[in-house]
Amino acid sequence: FPSASNRKYFLVVKTVNNTKYYGLIANNKKSKKGEVKSTALSEMLPEEKMLVAYEEHRNNMKLQLIDMILANDSYFFEKMVVDLLLKIGYGYDKDSGIVTKRTRDGGIDGIINEDALGLDTVYIQAKRYKINSKVSSNEIQQFIGAIGKHNKGVFITTSSFTQSAELVLHDSLKNIILIDGDKLTDLMLTYGAGTTVSDQIAIYKIDEDYFN
């Protein structure tokens, strides 16, 4: 923000599609967090305030989803992950996904058949970790080994992945997708897995053609 005046302070007022929009704090002074937020929000249009509130609501829901997942056992998480991928559109019907046995699963927690004959399959690994416990590179290597000659895989966790884990996957020839807790809960909200829409609000605009 080029300026010849004194230092200015800005606040993120909304985030749309991972793009952050900043608002100038009018008094150019640092103040308490709540005061800064109210100052920035007061300069926004009503529909902009609704977008900010919606983003905050969505983030709160994502945190609640993680808490609910961690409150259940690992088998529930594995079944939930299979259900989610079926909702997204993987598999040829609603019964094409299975959860493997709870013991001696060979490093594979779920399998989705993308055709009726099982010629094309997606293998799933699901790790129900606390937020501060990241998935390591060794776990990614083990998953790659568990897939064997097959090519498609999805590794899903409630936490995140270490940088070395992502590098291992980058060097692999396998078609494996990594989904962390943030992406997982985002998909759950988008596809209605473990969530329902309780209300909807329309944002209106003037039809200029009508009045002209």
C-alpha atoms as a PDB file:
ATOM      1  CA  PHE A   1       0.000   0.000   0.000  1.00  0.00           C
ATOM      2  CA  PRO A   2       2.161   2.929  -1.196  1.00  0.00           C
ATOM      3  CA  SER A   3       1.631   6.112   0.778  1.00  0.00           C
ATOM      4  CA  ALA A   4       3.518   9.233   1.808  1.00  0.00           C
ATOM      5  CA  SER A   5       1.722   9.374   5.156  1.00  0.00           C
ATOM      6  CA  ASN A   6       2.460   7.549   8.383  1.00  0.00           C
ATOM      7  CA  ARG A   7       2.169   3.797   8.782  1.00  0.00           C
ATOM      8  CA  LYS A   8      -1.292   2.363   8.214  1.00  0.00           C
ATOM      9  CA  TYR A   9      -2.857  -0.819   9.566  1.00  0.00           C
ATOM     10  CA  PHE A  10      -5.059  -3.207   7.611  1.00  0.00           C
ATOM     11  CA  LEU A  11      -7.307  -6.094   8.593  1.00  0.00           C
ATOM     12  CA  VAL A  12      -8.551  -9.091   6.619  1.00  0.00           C
ATOM     13  CA  VAL A  13     -12.258  -8.351   6.244  1.00  0.00           C
ATOM     14  CA  LYS A  14     -13.256 -11.315   4.088  1.00  0.00           C
ATOM     15  CA  THR A  15     -11.854 -14.354   2.301  1.00  0.00           C
ATOM     16  CA  VAL A  16     -13.392 -15.589  -0.960  1.00  0.00           C
ATOM     17  CA  ASN A  17     -11.952 -18.622  -2.775  1.00  0.00           C
ATOM     18  CA  ASN A  18      -8.738 -18.358  -0.733  1.00  0.00           C
ATOM     19  CA  THR A  19      -8.307 -14.699  -1.772  1.00  0.00           C
ATOM     20  CA  LYS A  20      -8.032 -12.305   1.165  1.00  0.00           C
ATOM     21  CA  TYR A  21      -9.526  -8.813   1.045  1.00  0.00           C
ATOM     22  CA  TYR A  22      -8.134  -6.121   3.340  1.00  0.00           C
ATOM     23  CA  GLY A  23      -9.792  -3.095   4.878  1.00  0.00           C
ATOM     24  CA  LEU A  24      -7.999   0.005   6.155  1.00  0.00           C
ATOM     25  CA  ILE A  25      -8.353   0.664   9.885  1.00  0.00           C
ATOM     26  CA  ALA A  26      -9.569   4.253   9.894  1.00  0.00           C
ATOM     27  CA  ASN A  27      -7.727   5.600  12.939  1.00  0.00           C
ATOM     28  CA  ASN A  28      -4.341   4.141  11.855  1.00  0.00           C
ATOM     29  CA  LYS A  29      -3.764   2.895  15.389  1.00  0.00           C
ATOM     30  CA  LYS A  30      -3.423  -0.546  16.808  1.00  0.00           C
ATOM     31  CA  SER A  31      -6.283  -1.342  19.134  1.00  0.00           C
ATOM     32  CA  LYS A  32      -7.890  -4.353  20.720  1.00  0.00           C
ATOM     33  CA  LYS A  33      -8.839  -7.138  18.358  1.00  0.00           C
ATOM     34  CA  GLY A  34     -12.580  -6.673  18.800  1.00  0.00           C
ATOM     35  CA  GLU A  35     -12.351  -2.912  18.287  1.00  0.00           C
ATOM     36  CA  VAL A  36     -10.345  -3.303  15.101  1.00  0.00           C
ATOM     37  CA  LYS A  37     -12.839  -5.805  13.720  1.00  0.00           C
ATOM     38  CA  SER A  38     -15.843  -3.601  14.462  1.00  0.00           C
ATOM     39  CA  THR A  39     -14.125  -0.591  12.843  1.00  0.00           C
ATOM     40  CA  ALA A  40     -13.466  -2.531   9.635  1.00  0.00           C
ATOM     41  CA  LEU A  41     -16.909  -4.143   9.540  1.00  0.00           C
ATOM     42  CA  SER A  42     -18.647  -0.783   9.986  1.00  0.00           C
ATOM     43  CA  GLU A  43     -17.294   0.309   6.595  1.00  0.00           C
ATOM     44  CA  MET A  44     -18.550  -2.774   4.766  1.00  0.00           C
ATOM     45  CA  LEU A  45     -21.757  -3.195   2.795  1.00  0.00           C
ATOM     46  CA  PRO A  46     -24.439  -5.447   4.375  1.00  0.00           C
ATOM     47  CA  GLU A  47     -23.822  -8.220   1.820  1.00  0.00           C
ATOM     48  CA  GLU A  48     -20.075  -8.055   2.547  1.00  0.00           C
ATOM     49  CA  LYS A  49     -20.783  -8.436   6.272  1.00  0.00           C
ATOM     50  CA  MET A  50     -22.927 -11.482   5.461  1.00  0.00           C
ATOM     51  CA  LEU A  51     -20.041 -13.042   3.526  1.00  0.00           C
ATOM     52  CA  VAL A  52     -17.672 -12.454   6.444  1.00  0.00           C
ATOM     53  CA  ALA A  53     -20.197 -13.934   8.886  1.00  0.00           C
ATOM     54  CA  TYR A  54     -20.745 -16.923   6.579  1.00  0.00           C
ATOM     55  CA  GLU A  55     -17.009 -17.571   6.351  1.00  0.00           C
ATOM     56  CA  GLU A  56     -16.748 -17.444  10.143  1.00  0.00           C
ATOM     57  CA  HIS A  57     -19.722 -19.803  10.496  1.00  0.00           C
ATOM     58  CA  ARG A  58     -18.195 -22.253   8.011  1.00  0.00           C
ATOM     59  CA  ASN A  59     -14.858 -22.242   9.832  1.00  0.00           C
ATOM     60  CA  ASN A  60     -16.616 -22.860  13.151  1.00  0.00           C
ATOM     61  CA  MET A  61     -18.504 -25.790  11.627  1.00  0.00           C
ATOM     62  CA  LYS A  62     -15.247 -27.281  10.352  1.00  0.00           C
ATOM     63  CA  LEU A  63     -13.758 -27.169  13.851  1.00  0.00           C
ATOM     64  CA  GLN A  64     -16.879 -28.822  15.276  1.00  0.00           C
ATOM     65  CA  LEU A  65     -16.686 -31.582  12.657  1.00  0.00           C
ATOM     66  CA  ILE A  66     -13.086 -32.377  13.651  1.00  0.00           C
ATOM     67  CA  ASP A  67     -14.145 -32.537  17.313  1.00  0.00           C
ATOM     68  CA  MET A  68     -16.998 -34.926  16.462  1.00  0.00           C
ATOM     69  CA  ILE A  69     -14.699 -37.177  14.423  1.00  0.00           C
ATOM     70  CA  LEU A  70     -12.101 -37.338  17.201  1.00  0.00           C
ATOM     71  CA  ALA A  71     -14.847 -38.167  19.703  1.00  0.00           C
ATOM     72  CA  ASN A  72     -15.647 -41.342  17.725  1.00  0.00           C
ATOM     73  CA  ASP A  73     -13.423 -44.369  17.123  1.00  0.00           C
ATOM     74  CA  SER A  74     -11.175 -45.054  14.146  1.00  0.00           C
ATOM     75  CA  TYR A  75     -13.609 -47.522  12.538  1.00  0.00           C
ATOM     76  CA  PHE A  76     -16.290 -44.827  12.425  1.00  0.00           C
ATOM     77  CA  PHE A  77     -13.801 -42.507  10.705  1.00  0.00           C
ATOM     78  CA  GLU A  78     -12.919 -45.129   8.106  1.00  0.00           C
ATOM     79  CA  LYS A  79     -16.594 -45.718   7.313  1.00  0.00           C
ATOM     80  CA  MET A  80     -17.233 -41.963   7.196  1.00  0.00           C
ATOM     81  CA  VAL A  81     -14.389 -41.464   4.709  1.00  0.00           C
ATOM     82  CA  VAL A  82     -15.782 -44.166   2.401  1.00  0.00           C
ATOM     83  CA  ASP A  83     -19.256 -42.606   2.620  1.00  0.00           C
ATOM     84  CA  LEU A  84     -17.810 -39.180   1.795  1.00  0.00           C
ATOM     85  CA  LEU A  85     -15.978 -40.389  -1.304  1.00  0.00           C
ATOM     86  CA  LEU A  86     -19.148 -42.096  -2.506  1.00  0.00           C
ATOM     87  CA  LYS A  87     -21.039 -38.810  -2.041  1.00  0.00           C
ATOM     88  CA  ILE A  88     -18.389 -36.996  -4.055  1.00  0.00           C
ATOM     89  CA  GLY A  89     -19.001 -39.384  -6.944  1.00  0.00           C
ATOM     90  CA  TYR A  90     -16.450 -42.177  -6.679  1.00  0.00           C
ATOM     91  CA  GLY A  91     -17.810 -45.676  -7.268  1.00  0.00           C
ATOM     92  CA  TYR A  92     -20.435 -46.950  -9.663  1.00  0.00           C
ATOM     93  CA  ASP A  93     -23.243 -47.104  -7.060  1.00  0.00           C
ATOM     94  CA  LYS A  94     -23.905 -46.460  -3.350  1.00  0.00           C
ATOM     95  CA  ASP A  95     -22.716 -49.972  -2.404  1.00  0.00           C
ATOM     96  CA  SER A  96     -19.416 -49.933  -4.303  1.00  0.00           C
ATOM     97  CA  GLY A  97     -17.353 -48.836  -1.298  1.00  0.00           C
ATOM     98  CA  ILE A  98     -16.245 -51.125   1.524  1.00  0.00           C
ATOM     99  CA  VAL A  99     -14.349 -50.745   4.794  1.00  0.00           C
ATOM    100  CA  THR A 100     -11.678 -53.395   5.307  1.00  0.00           C
ATOM    101  CA  LYS A 101     -11.409 -55.579   8.387  1.00  0.00           C
ATOM    102  CA  ARG A 102     -10.490 -53.772  11.591  1.00  0.00           C
ATOM    103  CA  THR A 103      -7.369 -55.890  12.045  1.00  0.00           C
ATOM    104  CA  ARG A 104      -4.735 -57.046   9.556  1.00  0.00           C
ATOM    105  CA  ASP A 105      -6.012 -54.747   6.835  1.00  0.00           C
ATOM    106  CA  GLY A 106      -2.564 -54.558   5.216  1.00  0.00           C
ATOM    107  CA  GLY A 107      -2.446 -50.776   5.482  1.00  0.00           C
ATOM    108  CA  ILE A 108      -5.671 -50.294   3.500  1.00  0.00           C
ATOM    109  CA  ASP A 109      -8.693 -48.961   5.392  1.00  0.00           C
ATOM    110  CA  GLY A 110     -11.200 -48.802   2.541  1.00  0.00           C
ATOM    111  CA  ILE A 111     -11.696 -49.728  -1.090  1.00  0.00           C
ATOM    112  CA  ILE A 112     -13.992 -48.200  -3.696  1.00  0.00           C
ATOM    113  CA  ASN A 113     -14.733 -50.046  -6.926  1.00  0.00           C
ATOM    114  CA  GLU A 114     -15.234 -47.608  -9.781  1.00  0.00           C
ATOM    115  CA  ASP A 115     -16.820 -50.232 -12.029  1.00  0.00           C
ATOM    116  CA  ALA A 116     -19.036 -53.247 -11.430  1.00  0.00           C
ATOM    117  CA  LEU A 117     -16.258 -55.733 -12.214  1.00  0.00           C
ATOM    118  CA  GLY A 118     -13.720 -54.129  -9.897  1.00  0.00           C
ATOM    119  CA  LEU A 119     -11.236 -53.528 -12.696  1.00  0.00           C
ATOM    120  CA  ASP A 120     -10.527 -49.992 -11.458  1.00  0.00           C
ATOM    121  CA  THR A 121     -10.252 -49.387  -7.732  1.00  0.00           C
ATOM    122  CA  VAL A 122      -9.396 -46.577  -5.322  1.00  0.00           C
ATOM    123  CA  TYR A 123      -7.565 -47.533  -2.123  1.00  0.00           C
ATOM    124  CA  ILE A 124      -8.044 -45.491   1.046  1.00  0.00           C
ATOM    125  CA  GLN A 125      -5.964 -44.845   4.129  1.00  0.00           C
ATOM    126  CA  ALA A 126      -7.643 -42.900   6.955  1.00  0.00           C
ATOM    127  CA  LYS A 127      -5.722 -41.523   9.954  1.00  0.00           C
ATOM    128  CA  ARG A 128      -7.766 -40.044  12.799  1.00  0.00           C
ATOM    129  CA  TYR A 129      -5.042 -37.872  14.320  1.00  0.00           C
ATOM    130  CA  LYS A 130      -5.158 -34.920  16.651  1.00  0.00           C
ATOM    131  CA  ILE A 131      -4.347 -31.606  14.994  1.00  0.00           C
ATOM    132  CA  ASN A 132      -0.764 -31.455  16.298  1.00  0.00           C
ATOM    133  CA  SER A 133       0.079 -35.012  15.121  1.00  0.00           C
ATOM    134  CA  LYS A 134       1.109 -34.816  11.471  1.00  0.00           C
ATOM    135  CA  VAL A 135       1.287 -37.694   9.012  1.00  0.00           C
ATOM    136  CA  SER A 136       4.936 -38.606   8.391  1.00  0.00           C
ATOM    137  CA  SER A 137       6.782 -39.607   5.236  1.00  0.00           C
ATOM    138  CA  ASN A 138       7.099 -43.191   6.551  1.00  0.00           C
ATOM    139  CA  GLU A 139       3.323 -43.527   6.663  1.00  0.00           C
ATOM    140  CA  ILE A 140       3.039 -42.338   3.075  1.00  0.00           C
ATOM    141  CA  GLN A 141       5.706 -44.826   1.995  1.00  0.00           C
ATOM    142  CA  GLN A 142       3.852 -47.627   3.785  1.00  0.00           C
ATOM    143  CA  PHE A 143       0.638 -46.680   2.015  1.00  0.00           C
ATOM    144  CA  ILE A 144       2.406 -46.696  -1.345  1.00  0.00           C
ATOM    145  CA  GLY A 145       3.723 -50.157  -0.543  1.00  0.00           C
ATOM    146  CA  ALA A 146       0.273 -51.356   0.547  1.00  0.00           C
ATOM    147  CA  ILE A 147      -1.233 -50.280  -2.777  1.00  0.00           C
ATOM    148  CA  GLY A 148       1.319 -52.427  -4.571  1.00  0.00           C
ATOM    149  CA  LYS A 149       0.793 -52.644  -8.317  1.00  0.00           C
ATOM    150  CA  HIS A 150      -2.362 -50.545  -8.156  1.00  0.00           C
ATOM    151  CA  ASN A 151      -2.191 -46.848  -8.987  1.00  0.00           C
ATOM    152  CA  LYS A 152      -5.030 -44.905  -7.333  1.00  0.00           C
ATOM    153  CA  GLY A 153      -5.154 -43.959  -3.669  1.00  0.00           C
ATOM    154  CA  VAL A 154      -6.508 -41.382  -1.229  1.00  0.00           C
ATOM    155  CA  PHE A 155      -4.793 -40.671   2.076  1.00  0.00           C
ATOM    156  CA  ILE A 156      -7.067 -38.753   4.445  1.00  0.00           C
ATOM    157  CA  THR A 157      -6.274 -37.385   7.886  1.00  0.00           C
ATOM    158  CA  THR A 158      -7.942 -35.120  10.416  1.00  0.00           C
ATOM    159  CA  SER A 159      -4.608 -33.348  10.978  1.00  0.00           C
ATOM    160  CA  SER A 160      -2.049 -32.474   8.276  1.00  0.00           C
ATOM    161  CA  PHE A 161       1.024 -33.795   6.450  1.00  0.00           C
ATOM    162  CA  THR A 162       4.682 -33.076   7.054  1.00  0.00           C
ATOM    163  CA  GLN A 163       6.632 -31.476   4.230  1.00  0.00           C
ATOM    164  CA  SER A 164       8.700 -34.650   3.843  1.00  0.00           C
ATOM    165  CA  ALA A 165       5.487 -36.669   3.449  1.00  0.00           C
ATOM    166  CA  GLU A 166       4.410 -34.440   0.573  1.00  0.00           C
ATOM    167  CA  LEU A 167       7.849 -34.757  -1.025  1.00  0.00           C
ATOM    168  CA  VAL A 168       7.678 -38.557  -0.879  1.00  0.00           C
ATOM    169  CA  LEU A 169       4.388 -38.470  -2.732  1.00  0.00           C
ATOM    170  CA  HIS A 170       5.750 -35.979  -5.268  1.00  0.00           C
ATOM    171  CA  ASP A 171       8.567 -38.386  -6.133  1.00  0.00           C
ATOM    172  CA  SER A 172       6.179 -41.331  -6.417  1.00  0.00           C
ATOM    173  CA  LEU A 173       4.619 -42.414  -9.705  1.00  0.00           C
ATOM    174  CA  LYS A 174       1.389 -43.318  -7.921  1.00  0.00           C
ATOM    175  CA  ASN A 175      -1.789 -41.285  -8.388  1.00  0.00           C
ATOM    176  CA  ILE A 176      -2.391 -40.565  -4.707  1.00  0.00           C
ATOM    177  CA  ILE A 177      -4.345 -37.621  -3.311  1.00  0.00           C
ATOM    178  CA  LEU A 178      -3.573 -36.208   0.152  1.00  0.00           C
ATOM    179  CA  ILE A 179      -6.518 -34.710   2.065  1.00  0.00           C
ATOM    180  CA  ASP A 180      -5.833 -32.914   5.338  1.00  0.00           C
ATOM    181  CA  GLY A 181      -8.320 -31.962   8.042  1.00  0.00           C
ATOM    182  CA  ASP A 182      -9.133 -28.580   6.509  1.00  0.00           C
ATOM    183  CA  LYS A 183      -9.868 -30.056   3.078  1.00  0.00           C
ATOM    184  CA  LEU A 184     -11.734 -32.989   4.631  1.00  0.00           C
ATOM    185  CA  THR A 185     -14.170 -30.802   6.568  1.00  0.00           C
ATOM    186  CA  ASP A 186     -14.568 -28.511   3.562  1.00  0.00           C
ATOM    187  CA  LEU A 187     -15.662 -31.512   1.475  1.00  0.00           C
ATOM    188  CA  MET A 188     -17.999 -32.668   4.244  1.00  0.00           C
ATOM    189  CA  LEU A 189     -19.767 -29.299   4.225  1.00  0.00           C
ATOM    190  CA  THR A 190     -19.873 -29.107   0.431  1.00  0.00           C
ATOM    191  CA  TYR A 191     -21.292 -32.608  -0.077  1.00  0.00           C
ATOM    192  CA  GLY A 192     -23.432 -32.817   3.063  1.00  0.00           C
ATOM    193  CA  ALA A 193     -21.527 -35.604   4.824  1.00  0.00           C
ATOM    194  CA  GLY A 194     -22.430 -35.475   8.511  1.00  0.00           C
ATOM    195  CA  THR A 195     -24.061 -32.076   8.001  1.00  0.00           C
ATOM    196  CA  THR A 196     -27.428 -30.707   6.881  1.00  0.00           C
ATOM    197  CA  VAL A 197     -28.447 -27.271   5.629  1.00  0.00           C
ATOM    198  CA  SER A 198     -30.644 -25.694   8.310  1.00  0.00           C
ATOM    199  CA  ASP A 199     -31.400 -22.438   6.469  1.00  0.00           C
ATOM    200  CA  GLN A 200     -30.598 -20.478   3.330  1.00  0.00           C
ATOM    201  CA  ILE A 201     -30.412 -16.727   2.819  1.00  0.00           C
ATOM    202  CA  ALA A 202     -30.713 -14.996  -0.560  1.00  0.00           C
ATOM    203  CA  ILE A 203     -28.622 -11.924  -1.434  1.00  0.00           C
ATOM    204  CA  TYR A 204     -30.477  -9.597  -3.782  1.00  0.00           C
ATOM    205  CA  LYS A 205     -29.377  -6.992  -6.329  1.00  0.00           C
ATOM    206  CA  ILE A 206     -31.309  -4.420  -8.347  1.00  0.00           C
ATOM    207  CA  ASP A 207     -32.415  -5.429 -11.851  1.00  0.00           C
ATOM    208  CA  GLU A 208     -31.142  -2.394 -13.766  1.00  0.00           C
ATOM    209  CA  ASP A 209     -32.757  -3.540 -17.036  1.00  0.00           C
ATOM    210  CA  TYR A 210     -36.211  -3.528 -15.424  1.00  0.00           C
ATOM    211  CA  PHE A 211     -35.935   0.084 -14.275  1.00  0.00           C
ATOM    212  CA  ASN A 212     -34.440   1.252 -17.569  1.00  0.00           C
END
